[in-house]
Amino acid sequence: MPAFVNQLISFLQSALTWVVALAIPATALTAGYHALMRATAQDEMTALQHSRALKNALVYGVVVILAGSITNAVLGAFR
């Protein structure tokens, strides 16, 4: 395999590792924020909005983590 392709694969793997590593605390912080805001909401509509946002933050965080991990594993197969 050409050196350029190996360097490109290595770069993408390290970039995806950083994305996955940063997605974990970002998801936790976002979920924590929405959980706190839901608990301290003054009316039911605001609590419902934060409840939906909490669910969306968890779903999107898991999707980013899984997609990055799977792509990193697929790129590892080309080495």
Protein backbone atom coordinates (compact mmCIF):
# COMPACT_ATOMS: atom_id res chain seq x y z
CA MET A 1 0.00 0.00 0.00
CA PRO A 2 1.40 3.47 -0.83
CA ALA A 3 2.77 5.58 1.99
CA PHE A 4 0.24 8.32 1.30
CA VAL A 5 -2.68 5.96 1.87
CA ASN A 6 -1.13 4.68 5.11
CA GLN A 7 -0.66 8.26 6.32
CA LEU A 8 -4.24 9.13 5.39
CA ILE A 9 -5.61 6.09 7.23
CA SER A 10 -3.46 6.90 10.25
CA PHE A 11 -4.68 10.50 10.25
CA LEU A 12 -8.33 9.46 10.00
CA GLN A 13 -7.93 6.93 12.80
CA SER A 14 -6.36 9.47 15.14
CA ALA A 15 -8.99 12.09 14.24
CA LEU A 16 -11.81 9.62 14.90
CA THR A 17 -10.22 8.63 18.18
CA TRP A 18 -10.32 12.28 19.25
CA VAL A 19 -13.92 12.66 18.09
CA VAL A 20 -15.02 9.62 20.08
CA ALA A 21 -12.99 10.68 23.11
CA LEU A 22 -14.54 14.16 23.08
CA ALA A 23 -18.07 12.90 22.34
CA ILE A 24 -18.22 10.99 25.63
CA PRO A 25 -17.83 13.99 27.99
CA ALA A 26 -19.83 16.24 25.64
CA THR A 27 -22.75 13.82 25.77
CA ALA A 28 -22.48 13.52 29.53
CA LEU A 29 -22.37 17.30 30.03
CA THR A 30 -25.30 17.91 27.70
CA ALA A 31 -27.37 15.18 29.31
CA GLY A 32 -26.50 16.51 32.77
CA TYR A 33 -27.51 20.03 31.79
CA HIS A 34 -30.89 18.95 30.45
CA ALA A 35 -31.52 16.70 33.44
CA LEU A 36 -30.77 19.60 35.81
CA MET A 37 -32.96 21.98 33.84
CA ARG A 38 -35.78 19.43 33.74
CA ALA A 39 -35.57 18.98 37.51
CA THR A 40 -35.68 22.73 38.15
CA ALA A 41 -38.32 23.60 35.54
CA GLN A 42 -41.14 25.82 36.75
CA ASP A 43 -43.80 24.60 34.36
CA GLU A 44 -44.67 21.31 32.72
CA MET A 45 -43.99 22.44 29.14
CA THR A 46 -40.40 23.42 29.91
CA ALA A 47 -39.84 20.14 31.72
CA LEU A 48 -41.19 18.26 28.70
CA GLN A 49 -38.90 20.15 26.32
CA HIS A 50 -35.84 19.36 28.44
CA SER A 51 -36.95 15.74 28.73
CA ARG A 52 -37.03 15.45 24.93
CA ALA A 53 -33.70 17.25 24.63
CA LEU A 54 -32.20 14.85 27.17
CA LYS A 55 -33.35 11.86 25.13
CA ASN A 56 -32.03 13.40 21.91
CA ALA A 57 -28.66 14.22 23.47
CA LEU A 58 -28.23 10.63 24.61
CA VAL A 59 -29.32 9.17 21.27
CA TYR A 60 -27.10 11.45 19.20
CA GLY A 61 -24.16 10.95 21.55
CA VAL A 62 -24.41 7.18 21.28
CA VAL A 63 -24.73 7.43 17.49
CA VAL A 64 -21.57 9.56 17.25
CA ILE A 65 -19.62 7.24 19.55
CA LEU A 66 -20.72 4.08 17.70
CA ALA A 67 -20.19 5.57 14.23
CA GLY A 68 -16.71 6.78 15.14
CA SER A 69 -15.76 3.47 16.70
CA ILE A 70 -17.08 1.38 13.82
CA THR A 71 -15.39 3.58 11.22
CA ASN A 72 -12.14 3.41 13.17
CA ALA A 73 -12.38 -0.39 13.23
CA VAL A 74 -13.08 -0.54 9.50
CA LEU A 75 -10.08 1.72 8.79
CA GLY A 76 -7.98 -0.56 10.99
CA ALA A 77 -8.81 -3.46 8.69
CA PHE A 78 -7.02 -1.70 5.83
CA ARG A 79 -3.68 -1.60 7.63
